[in-house]
Amino acid sequence: MGLQPIGDRIVVRREAAEEKTAGGILLPDSAKNKPQRGAVVAVGPGKLKPDGTRVPMQLKVGDKVLFTSWAGDEFKGPKNDGEILLMHEGDVMCVIA
């Protein structure tokens, strides 16, 4: 990936939206909800405190995460990597084990 986030930001690749309902009905693109799950693909160095030290990041590359629905900003990834989310580490609610 050609992106390196700064501070306490992370880059997340969102999971693909469900194509079918539980009953087997195919969903059109306009009816699909954007998933709130994804995988961390890049992590910043951590938040810089006023005294010049850094708060270490709790997340690492490869973590599967659950985040808030309004979290982050969507961008097209470099080199046609698809859509990615750039968000603060605090927008992540939990790591999926």
PDB file of N, CA and C in Angstrom:
ATOM      1  N   MET A   1       0.858  -1.170   0.000  1.00  0.00           N
ATOM      2  CA  MET A   1       0.000   0.000   0.000  1.00  0.00           C
ATOM      3  C   MET A   1       0.900   1.229   0.000  1.00  0.00           C
ATOM      4  N   GLY A   2       0.563   2.234  -0.773  1.00  0.00           N
ATOM      5  CA  GLY A   2       1.373   3.429  -0.901  1.00  0.00           C
ATOM      6  C   GLY A   2       1.011   4.540   0.067  1.00  0.00           C
ATOM      7  N   LEU A   3       0.255   4.253   1.114  1.00  0.00           N
ATOM      8  CA  LEU A   3      -0.148   5.275   2.075  1.00  0.00           C
ATOM      9  C   LEU A   3       0.462   4.992   3.438  1.00  0.00           C
ATOM     10  N   GLN A   4       0.982   6.039   4.083  1.00  0.00           N
ATOM     11  CA  GLN A   4       1.486   5.919   5.447  1.00  0.00           C
ATOM     12  C   GLN A   4       0.764   6.966   6.286  1.00  0.00           C
ATOM     13  N   PRO A   5      -0.199   6.554   7.132  1.00  0.00           N
ATOM     14  CA  PRO A   5      -0.929   7.521   7.948  1.00  0.00           C
ATOM     15  C   PRO A   5      -0.018   8.172   8.980  1.00  0.00           C
ATOM     16  N   ILE A   6      -0.419   9.361   9.426  1.00  0.00           N
ATOM     17  CA  ILE A   6       0.354  10.078  10.432  1.00  0.00           C
ATOM     18  C   ILE A   6      -0.428  10.134  11.740  1.00  0.00           C
ATOM     19  N   GLY A   7       0.267  10.396  12.833  1.00  0.00           N
ATOM     20  CA  GLY A   7      -0.385  10.515  14.135  1.00  0.00           C
ATOM     21  C   GLY A   7      -1.102   9.243  14.537  1.00  0.00           C
ATOM     22  N   ASP A   8      -2.318   9.396  15.061  1.00  0.00           N
ATOM     23  CA  ASP A   8      -3.090   8.234  15.520  1.00  0.00           C
ATOM     24  C   ASP A   8      -4.108   7.778  14.475  1.00  0.00           C
ATOM     25  N   ARG A   9      -3.775   7.943  13.213  1.00  0.00           N
ATOM     26  CA  ARG A   9      -4.685   7.532  12.138  1.00  0.00           C
ATOM     27  C   ARG A   9      -4.342   6.135  11.646  1.00  0.00           C
ATOM     28  N   ILE A  10      -5.374   5.482  11.100  1.00  0.00           N
ATOM     29  CA  ILE A  10      -5.207   4.153  10.516  1.00  0.00           C
ATOM     30  C   ILE A  10      -5.894   4.114   9.156  1.00  0.00           C
ATOM     31  N   VAL A  11      -5.461   3.214   8.311  1.00  0.00           N
ATOM     32  CA  VAL A  11      -6.106   2.967   7.020  1.00  0.00           C
ATOM     33  C   VAL A  11      -6.797   1.616   7.116  1.00  0.00           C
ATOM     34  N   VAL A  12      -8.104   1.590   6.768  1.00  0.00           N
ATOM     35  CA  VAL A  12      -8.908   0.376   6.877  1.00  0.00           C
ATOM     36  C   VAL A  12      -9.523   0.054   5.525  1.00  0.00           C
ATOM     37  N   ARG A  13      -9.485  -1.214   5.153  1.00  0.00           N
ATOM     38  CA  ARG A  13     -10.197  -1.672   3.958  1.00  0.00           C
ATOM     39  C   ARG A  13     -11.503  -2.294   4.440  1.00  0.00           C
ATOM     40  N   ARG A  14     -12.616  -1.688   4.030  1.00  0.00           N
ATOM     41  CA  ARG A  14     -13.947  -2.139   4.449  1.00  0.00           C
ATOM     42  C   ARG A  14     -14.278  -3.479   3.805  1.00  0.00           C
ATOM     43  N   GLU A  15     -14.989  -4.352   4.561  1.00  0.00           N
ATOM     44  CA  GLU A  15     -15.436  -5.631   4.009  1.00  0.00           C
ATOM     45  C   GLU A  15     -16.472  -5.389   2.909  1.00  0.00           C
ATOM     46  N   ALA A  16     -16.624  -6.333   2.032  1.00  0.00           N
ATOM     47  CA  ALA A  16     -17.601  -6.220   0.949  1.00  0.00           C
ATOM     48  C   ALA A  16     -19.015  -6.290   1.518  1.00  0.00           C
ATOM     49  N   ALA A  17     -19.928  -5.557   0.889  1.00  0.00           N
ATOM     50  CA  ALA A  17     -21.324  -5.557   1.320  1.00  0.00           C
ATOM     51  C   ALA A  17     -21.983  -6.890   0.961  1.00  0.00           C
ATOM     52  N   GLU A  18     -22.975  -7.264   1.752  1.00  0.00           N
ATOM     53  CA  GLU A  18     -23.711  -8.502   1.513  1.00  0.00           C
ATOM     54  C   GLU A  18     -24.468  -8.417   0.190  1.00  0.00           C
ATOM     55  N   GLU A  19     -24.386  -9.474  -0.608  1.00  0.00           N
ATOM     56  CA  GLU A  19     -25.074  -9.520  -1.897  1.00  0.00           C
ATOM     57  C   GLU A  19     -26.499 -10.033  -1.763  1.00  0.00           C
ATOM     58  N   LYS A  20     -26.747 -10.858  -0.735  1.00  0.00           N
ATOM     59  CA  LYS A  20     -28.062 -11.475  -0.536  1.00  0.00           C
ATOM     60  C   LYS A  20     -28.525 -11.264   0.897  1.00  0.00           C
ATOM     61  N   THR A  21     -29.839 -11.299   1.082  1.00  0.00           N
ATOM     62  CA  THR A  21     -30.399 -11.283   2.431  1.00  0.00           C
ATOM     63  C   THR A  21     -30.351 -12.699   2.990  1.00  0.00           C
ATOM     64  N   ALA A  22     -30.703 -12.849   4.255  1.00  0.00           N
ATOM     65  CA  ALA A  22     -30.722 -14.181   4.865  1.00  0.00           C
ATOM     66  C   ALA A  22     -31.726 -15.088   4.161  1.00  0.00           C
ATOM     67  N   GLY A  23     -32.765 -14.506   3.586  1.00  0.00           N
ATOM     68  CA  GLY A  23     -33.780 -15.292   2.875  1.00  0.00           C
ATOM     69  C   GLY A  23     -33.420 -15.596   1.436  1.00  0.00           C
ATOM     70  N   GLY A  24     -32.259 -15.103   0.949  1.00  0.00           N
ATOM     71  CA  GLY A  24     -31.803 -15.412  -0.392  1.00  0.00           C
ATOM     72  C   GLY A  24     -32.173 -14.377  -1.442  1.00  0.00           C
ATOM     73  N   ILE A  25     -32.702 -13.231  -1.050  1.00  0.00           N
ATOM     74  CA  ILE A  25     -33.068 -12.193  -2.009  1.00  0.00           C
ATOM     75  C   ILE A  25     -31.823 -11.405  -2.386  1.00  0.00           C
ATOM     76  N   LEU A  26     -31.594 -11.233  -3.696  1.00  0.00           N
ATOM     77  CA  LEU A  26     -30.458 -10.455  -4.172  1.00  0.00           C
ATOM     78  C   LEU A  26     -30.726  -8.971  -3.959  1.00  0.00           C
ATOM     79  N   LEU A  27     -29.738  -8.259  -3.429  1.00  0.00           N
ATOM     80  CA  LEU A  27     -29.890  -6.837  -3.138  1.00  0.00           C
ATOM     81  C   LEU A  27     -29.266  -5.985  -4.248  1.00  0.00           C
ATOM     82  N   PRO A  28     -29.977  -4.938  -4.711  1.00  0.00           N
ATOM     83  CA  PRO A  28     -29.348  -4.004  -5.644  1.00  0.00           C
ATOM     84  C   PRO A  28     -28.339  -3.128  -4.892  1.00  0.00           C
ATOM     85  N   ASP A  29     -27.435  -2.485  -5.616  1.00  0.00           N
ATOM     86  CA  ASP A  29     -26.398  -1.662  -4.981  1.00  0.00           C
ATOM     87  C   ASP A  29     -26.987  -0.576  -4.092  1.00  0.00           C
ATOM     88  N   SER A  30     -28.118  -0.002  -4.492  1.00  0.00           N
ATOM     89  CA  SER A  30     -28.712   1.092  -3.712  1.00  0.00           C
ATOM     90  C   SER A  30     -29.282   0.621  -2.372  1.00  0.00           C
ATOM     91  N   ALA A  31     -29.549  -0.663  -2.216  1.00  0.00           N
ATOM     92  CA  ALA A  31     -30.142  -1.183  -0.980  1.00  0.00           C
ATOM     93  C   ALA A  31     -29.108  -1.772  -0.029  1.00  0.00           C
ATOM     94  N   LYS A  32     -27.860  -1.860  -0.464  1.00  0.00           N
ATOM     95  CA  LYS A  32     -26.831  -2.463   0.376  1.00  0.00           C
ATOM     96  C   LYS A  32     -26.360  -1.467   1.428  1.00  0.00           C
ATOM     97  N   ASN A  33     -26.244  -1.926   2.650  1.00  0.00           N
ATOM     98  CA  ASN A  33     -25.667  -1.118   3.720  1.00  0.00           C
ATOM     99  C   ASN A  33     -24.160  -1.270   3.690  1.00  0.00           C
ATOM    100  N   LYS A  34     -23.457  -0.188   3.991  1.00  0.00           N
ATOM    101  CA  LYS A  34     -22.009  -0.273   4.042  1.00  0.00           C
ATOM    102  C   LYS A  34     -21.618  -0.985   5.331  1.00  0.00           C
ATOM    103  N   PRO A  35     -20.829  -2.029   5.237  1.00  0.00           N
ATOM    104  CA  PRO A  35     -20.410  -2.756   6.433  1.00  0.00           C
ATOM    105  C   PRO A  35     -19.583  -1.881   7.370  1.00  0.00           C
ATOM    106  N   GLN A  36     -19.683  -2.157   8.653  1.00  0.00           N
ATOM    107  CA  GLN A  36     -18.921  -1.434   9.661  1.00  0.00           C
ATOM    108  C   GLN A  36     -17.761  -2.285  10.154  1.00  0.00           C
ATOM    109  N   ARG A  37     -17.330  -3.205   9.323  1.00  0.00           N
ATOM    110  CA  ARG A  37     -16.208  -4.080   9.645  1.00  0.00           C
ATOM    111  C   ARG A  37     -15.160  -3.930   8.563  1.00  0.00           C
ATOM    112  N   GLY A  38     -13.912  -4.144   8.954  1.00  0.00           N
ATOM    113  CA  GLY A  38     -12.845  -4.065   7.980  1.00  0.00           C
ATOM    114  C   GLY A  38     -11.532  -4.553   8.557  1.00  0.00           C
ATOM    115  N   ALA A  39     -10.502  -4.469   7.724  1.00  0.00           N
ATOM    116  CA  ALA A  39      -9.161  -4.907   8.122  1.00  0.00           C
ATOM    117  C   ALA A  39      -8.222  -3.713   8.072  1.00  0.00           C
ATOM    118  N   VAL A  40      -7.377  -3.600   9.078  1.00  0.00           N
ATOM    119  CA  VAL A  40      -6.392  -2.522   9.142  1.00  0.00           C
ATOM    120  C   VAL A  40      -5.264  -2.846   8.169  1.00  0.00           C
ATOM    121  N   VAL A  41      -4.964  -1.897   7.264  1.00  0.00           N
ATOM    122  CA  VAL A  41      -3.910  -2.128   6.277  1.00  0.00           C
ATOM    123  C   VAL A  41      -2.686  -1.232   6.499  1.00  0.00           C
ATOM    124  N   ALA A  42      -2.823  -0.173   7.305  1.00  0.00           N
ATOM    125  CA  ALA A  42      -1.682   0.682   7.641  1.00  0.00           C
ATOM    126  C   ALA A  42      -1.984   1.398   8.954  1.00  0.00           C
ATOM    127  N   VAL A  43      -0.938   1.654   9.731  1.00  0.00           N
ATOM    128  CA  VAL A  43      -1.077   2.266  11.052  1.00  0.00           C
ATOM    129  C   VAL A  43      -0.055   3.385  11.190  1.00  0.00           C
ATOM    130  N   GLY A  44      -0.493   4.519  11.753  1.00  0.00           N
ATOM    131  CA  GLY A  44       0.415   5.630  12.011  1.00  0.00           C
ATOM    132  C   GLY A  44       1.309   5.349  13.210  1.00  0.00           C
ATOM    133  N   PRO A  45       2.232   6.263  13.517  1.00  0.00           N
ATOM    134  CA  PRO A  45       3.168   6.054  14.619  1.00  0.00           C
ATOM    135  C   PRO A  45       2.569   6.271  16.005  1.00  0.00           C
ATOM    136  N   GLY A  46       1.413   6.887  16.098  1.00  0.00           N
ATOM    137  CA  GLY A  46       0.795   7.168  17.396  1.00  0.00           C
ATOM    138  C   GLY A  46       0.666   8.664  17.625  1.00  0.00           C
ATOM    139  N   LYS A  47      -0.210   9.020  18.542  1.00  0.00           N
ATOM    140  CA  LYS A  47      -0.479  10.431  18.828  1.00  0.00           C
ATOM    141  C   LYS A  47       0.702  11.055  19.578  1.00  0.00           C
ATOM    142  N   LEU A  48       1.057  12.264  19.167  1.00  0.00           N
ATOM    143  CA  LEU A  48       2.154  12.987  19.786  1.00  0.00           C
ATOM    144  C   LEU A  48       1.617  13.798  20.960  1.00  0.00           C
ATOM    145  N   LYS A  49       2.181  13.577  22.149  1.00  0.00           N
ATOM    146  CA  LYS A  49       1.779  14.316  23.345  1.00  0.00           C
ATOM    147  C   LYS A  49       2.540  15.640  23.407  1.00  0.00           C
ATOM    148  N   PRO A  50       2.027  16.609  24.186  1.00  0.00           N
ATOM    149  CA  PRO A  50       2.697  17.917  24.266  1.00  0.00           C
ATOM    150  C   PRO A  50       4.154  17.853  24.733  1.00  0.00           C
ATOM    151  N   ASP A  51       4.505  16.833  25.500  1.00  0.00           N
ATOM    152  CA  ASP A  51       5.894  16.737  25.973  1.00  0.00           C
ATOM    153  C   ASP A  51       6.834  16.095  24.940  1.00  0.00           C
ATOM    154  N   GLY A  52       6.306  15.763  23.758  1.00  0.00           N
ATOM    155  CA  GLY A  52       7.129  15.222  22.682  1.00  0.00           C
ATOM    156  C   GLY A  52       7.176  13.714  22.595  1.00  0.00           C
ATOM    157  N   THR A  53       6.571  13.005  23.544  1.00  0.00           N
ATOM    158  CA  THR A  53       6.535  11.541  23.474  1.00  0.00           C
ATOM    159  C   THR A  53       5.303  11.097  22.697  1.00  0.00           C
ATOM    160  N   ARG A  54       5.314   9.871  22.252  1.00  0.00           N
ATOM    161  CA  ARG A  54       4.189   9.321  21.489  1.00  0.00           C
ATOM    162  C   ARG A  54       3.420   8.304  22.311  1.00  0.00           C
ATOM    163  N   VAL A  55       2.098   8.316  22.137  1.00  0.00           N
ATOM    164  CA  VAL A  55       1.232   7.293  22.732  1.00  0.00           C
ATOM    165  C   VAL A  55       1.239   6.128  21.744  1.00  0.00           C
ATOM    166  N   PRO A  56       1.669   4.939  22.142  1.00  0.00           N
ATOM    167  CA  PRO A  56       1.732   3.818  21.190  1.00  0.00           C
ATOM    168  C   PRO A  56       0.341   3.415  20.706  1.00  0.00           C
ATOM    169  N   MET A  57       0.270   2.952  19.467  1.00  0.00           N
ATOM    170  CA  MET A  57      -0.995   2.515  18.869  1.00  0.00           C
ATOM    171  C   MET A  57      -1.390   1.161  19.446  1.00  0.00           C
ATOM    172  N   GLN A  58      -2.688   0.971  19.667  1.00  0.00           N
ATOM    173  CA  GLN A  58      -3.199  -0.311  20.139  1.00  0.00           C
ATOM    174  C   GLN A  58      -3.464  -1.265  18.986  1.00  0.00           C
ATOM    175  N   LEU A  59      -3.700  -0.727  17.794  1.00  0.00           N
ATOM    176  CA  LEU A  59      -4.008  -1.550  16.621  1.00  0.00           C
ATOM    177  C   LEU A  59      -2.748  -1.827  15.830  1.00  0.00           C
ATOM    178  N   LYS A  60      -2.793  -2.912  15.066  1.00  0.00           N
ATOM    179  CA  LYS A  60      -1.673  -3.258  14.194  1.00  0.00           C
ATOM    180  C   LYS A  60      -2.227  -3.712  12.843  1.00  0.00           C
ATOM    181  N   VAL A  61      -1.376  -3.728  11.860  1.00  0.00           N
ATOM    182  CA  VAL A  61      -1.767  -4.156  10.521  1.00  0.00           C
ATOM    183  C   VAL A  61      -2.281  -5.589  10.587  1.00  0.00           C
ATOM    184  N   GLY A  62      -3.410  -5.838   9.934  1.00  0.00           N
ATOM    185  CA  GLY A  62      -4.004  -7.170   9.908  1.00  0.00           C
ATOM    186  C   GLY A  62      -5.153  -7.351  10.882  1.00  0.00           C
ATOM    187  N   ASP A  63      -5.299  -6.449  11.861  1.00  0.00           N
ATOM    188  CA  ASP A  63      -6.412  -6.549  12.811  1.00  0.00           C
ATOM    189  C   ASP A  63      -7.750  -6.399  12.088  1.00  0.00           C
ATOM    190  N   LYS A  64      -8.697  -7.243  12.439  1.00  0.00           N
ATOM    191  CA  LYS A  64     -10.082  -7.116  11.963  1.00  0.00           C
ATOM    192  C   LYS A  64     -10.809  -6.256  12.981  1.00  0.00           C
ATOM    193  N   VAL A  65     -11.443  -5.171  12.529  1.00  0.00           N
ATOM    194  CA  VAL A  65     -12.027  -4.211  13.458  1.00  0.00           C
ATOM    195  C   VAL A  65     -13.496  -3.920  13.134  1.00  0.00           C
ATOM    196  N   LEU A  66     -14.183  -3.449  14.171  1.00  0.00           N
ATOM    197  CA  LEU A  66     -15.559  -2.981  14.061  1.00  0.00           C
ATOM    198  C   LEU A  66     -15.517  -1.496  14.395  1.00  0.00           C
ATOM    199  N   PHE A  67     -16.073  -0.652  13.506  1.00  0.00           N
ATOM    200  CA  PHE A  67     -15.992   0.787  13.705  1.00  0.00           C
ATOM    201  C   PHE A  67     -17.364   1.426  13.574  1.00  0.00           C
ATOM    202  N   THR A  68     -17.471   2.680  14.012  1.00  0.00           N
ATOM    203  CA  THR A  68     -18.743   3.393  13.963  1.00  0.00           C
ATOM    204  C   THR A  68     -19.140   3.670  12.516  1.00  0.00           C
ATOM    205  N   SER A  69     -20.432   3.848  12.276  1.00  0.00           N
ATOM    206  CA  SER A  69     -20.921   4.024  10.903  1.00  0.00           C
ATOM    207  C   SER A  69     -20.457   5.339  10.287  1.00  0.00           C
ATOM    208  N   TRP A  70     -20.165   6.349  11.085  1.00  0.00           N
ATOM    209  CA  TRP A  70     -19.731   7.642  10.552  1.00  0.00           C
ATOM    210  C   TRP A  70     -18.213   7.790  10.600  1.00  0.00           C
ATOM    211  N   ALA A  71     -17.507   6.734  10.910  1.00  0.00           N
ATOM    212  CA  ALA A  71     -16.051   6.798  11.093  1.00  0.00           C
ATOM    213  C   ALA A  71     -15.325   7.035   9.781  1.00  0.00           C
ATOM    214  N   GLY A  72     -14.334   7.871   9.828  1.00  0.00           N
ATOM    215  CA  GLY A  72     -13.377   8.024   8.748  1.00  0.00           C
ATOM    216  C   GLY A  72     -13.888   8.706   7.501  1.00  0.00           C
ATOM    217  N   ASP A  73     -12.970   8.857   6.576  1.00  0.00           N
ATOM    218  CA  ASP A  73     -13.236   9.439   5.265  1.00  0.00           C
ATOM    219  C   ASP A  73     -12.864   8.416   4.215  1.00  0.00           C
ATOM    220  N   GLU A  74     -13.748   8.257   3.210  1.00  0.00           N
ATOM    221  CA  GLU A  74     -13.509   7.278   2.146  1.00  0.00           C
ATOM    222  C   GLU A  74     -12.680   7.895   1.034  1.00  0.00           C
ATOM    223  N   PHE A  75     -11.732   7.106   0.536  1.00  0.00           N
ATOM    224  CA  PHE A  75     -10.888   7.516  -0.569  1.00  0.00           C
ATOM    225  C   PHE A  75     -10.715   6.347  -1.524  1.00  0.00           C
ATOM    226  N   LYS A  76     -10.401   6.666  -2.762  1.00  0.00           N
ATOM    227  CA  LYS A  76      -9.993   5.636  -3.708  1.00  0.00           C
ATOM    228  C   LYS A  76      -8.541   5.313  -3.418  1.00  0.00           C
ATOM    229  N   GLY A  77      -8.237   4.034  -3.263  1.00  0.00           N
ATOM    230  CA  GLY A  77      -6.871   3.635  -2.971  1.00  0.00           C
ATOM    231  C   GLY A  77      -5.954   3.870  -4.155  1.00  0.00           C
ATOM    232  N   PRO A  78      -4.664   4.047  -3.882  1.00  0.00           N
ATOM    233  CA  PRO A  78      -3.719   4.205  -4.981  1.00  0.00           C
ATOM    234  C   PRO A  78      -3.612   2.918  -5.792  1.00  0.00           C
ATOM    235  N   LYS A  79      -3.319   3.059  -7.051  1.00  0.00           N
ATOM    236  CA  LYS A  79      -3.134   1.897  -7.940  1.00  0.00           C
ATOM    237  C   LYS A  79      -4.371   1.013  -7.992  1.00  0.00           C
ATOM    238  N   ASN A  80      -5.567   1.618  -7.982  1.00  0.00           N
ATOM    239  CA  ASN A  80      -6.837   0.872  -8.064  1.00  0.00           C
ATOM    240  C   ASN A  80      -6.968  -0.190  -6.983  1.00  0.00           C
ATOM    241  N   ASP A  81      -6.582   0.152  -5.761  1.00  0.00           N
ATOM    242  CA  ASP A  81      -6.711  -0.773  -4.630  1.00  0.00           C
ATOM    243  C   ASP A  81      -8.136  -0.847  -4.111  1.00  0.00           C
ATOM    244  N   GLY A  82      -9.054  -0.126  -4.717  1.00  0.00           N
ATOM    245  CA  GLY A  82     -10.430  -0.086  -4.222  1.00  0.00           C
ATOM    246  C   GLY A  82     -10.582   1.028  -3.205  1.00  0.00           C
ATOM    247  N   GLU A  83     -11.750   1.077  -2.565  1.00  0.00           N
ATOM    248  CA  GLU A  83     -12.002   2.127  -1.590  1.00  0.00           C
ATOM    249  C   GLU A  83     -11.389   1.779  -0.240  1.00  0.00           C
ATOM    250  N   ILE A  84     -10.832   2.792   0.389  1.00  0.00           N
ATOM    251  CA  ILE A  84     -10.245   2.639   1.714  1.00  0.00           C
ATOM    252  C   ILE A  84     -10.825   3.704   2.634  1.00  0.00           C
ATOM    253  N   LEU A  85     -10.711   3.482   3.916  1.00  0.00           N
ATOM    254  CA  LEU A  85     -11.137   4.450   4.922  1.00  0.00           C
ATOM    255  C   LEU A  85      -9.913   4.929   5.684  1.00  0.00           C
ATOM    256  N   LEU A  86      -9.836   6.237   5.896  1.00  0.00           N
ATOM    257  CA  LEU A  86      -8.799   6.813   6.737  1.00  0.00           C
ATOM    258  C   LEU A  86      -9.500   7.355   7.972  1.00  0.00           C
ATOM    259  N   MET A  87      -9.133   6.829   9.153  1.00  0.00           N
ATOM    260  CA  MET A  87      -9.824   7.221  10.384  1.00  0.00           C
ATOM    261  C   MET A  87      -8.861   7.280  11.549  1.00  0.00           C
ATOM    262  N   HIS A  88      -9.332   7.898  12.634  1.00  0.00           N
ATOM    263  CA  HIS A  88      -8.561   7.927  13.875  1.00  0.00           C
ATOM    264  C   HIS A  88      -8.725   6.582  14.590  1.00  0.00           C
ATOM    265  N   GLU A  89      -7.728   6.207  15.331  1.00  0.00           N
ATOM    266  CA  GLU A  89      -7.783   4.957  16.084  1.00  0.00           C
ATOM    267  C   GLU A  89      -8.979   4.947  17.040  1.00  0.00           C
ATOM    268  N   GLY A  90      -9.370   6.096  17.561  1.00  0.00           N
ATOM    269  CA  GLY A  90     -10.491   6.195  18.489  1.00  0.00           C
ATOM    270  C   GLY A  90     -11.844   5.907  17.872  1.00  0.00           C
ATOM    271  N   ASP A  91     -11.952   5.900  16.522  1.00  0.00           N
ATOM    272  CA  ASP A  91     -13.212   5.571  15.848  1.00  0.00           C
ATOM    273  C   ASP A  91     -13.486   4.072  15.836  1.00  0.00           C
ATOM    274  N   VAL A  92     -12.479   3.277  16.181  1.00  0.00           N
ATOM    275  CA  VAL A  92     -12.630   1.824  16.223  1.00  0.00           C
ATOM    276  C   VAL A  92     -13.226   1.434  17.576  1.00  0.00           C
ATOM    277  N   MET A  93     -14.295   0.623  17.540  1.00  0.00           N
ATOM    278  CA  MET A  93     -14.955   0.209  18.768  1.00  0.00           C
ATOM    279  C   MET A  93     -14.327  -1.039  19.359  1.00  0.00           C
ATOM    280  N   CYS A  94     -13.907  -1.988  18.504  1.00  0.00           N
ATOM    281  CA  CYS A  94     -13.306  -3.214  19.038  1.00  0.00           C
ATOM    282  C   CYS A  94     -12.555  -3.951  17.941  1.00  0.00           C
ATOM    283  N   VAL A  95     -11.685  -4.837  18.373  1.00  0.00           N
ATOM    284  CA  VAL A  95     -10.984  -5.758  17.486  1.00  0.00           C
ATOM    285  C   VAL A  95     -11.747  -7.072  17.507  1.00  0.00           C
ATOM    286  N   ILE A  96     -11.977  -7.637  16.327  1.00  0.00           N
ATOM    287  CA  ILE A  96     -12.706  -8.899  16.225  1.00  0.00           C
ATOM    288  C   ILE A  96     -11.710 -10.044  16.335  1.00  0.00           C
ATOM    289  N   ALA A  97     -11.905 -10.890  17.322  1.00  0.00           N
ATOM    290  CA  ALA A  97     -10.969 -12.000  17.566  1.00  0.00           C
ATOM    291  C   ALA A  97     -11.239 -13.156  16.628  1.00  0.00           C
TER     292      ALA A  97
END
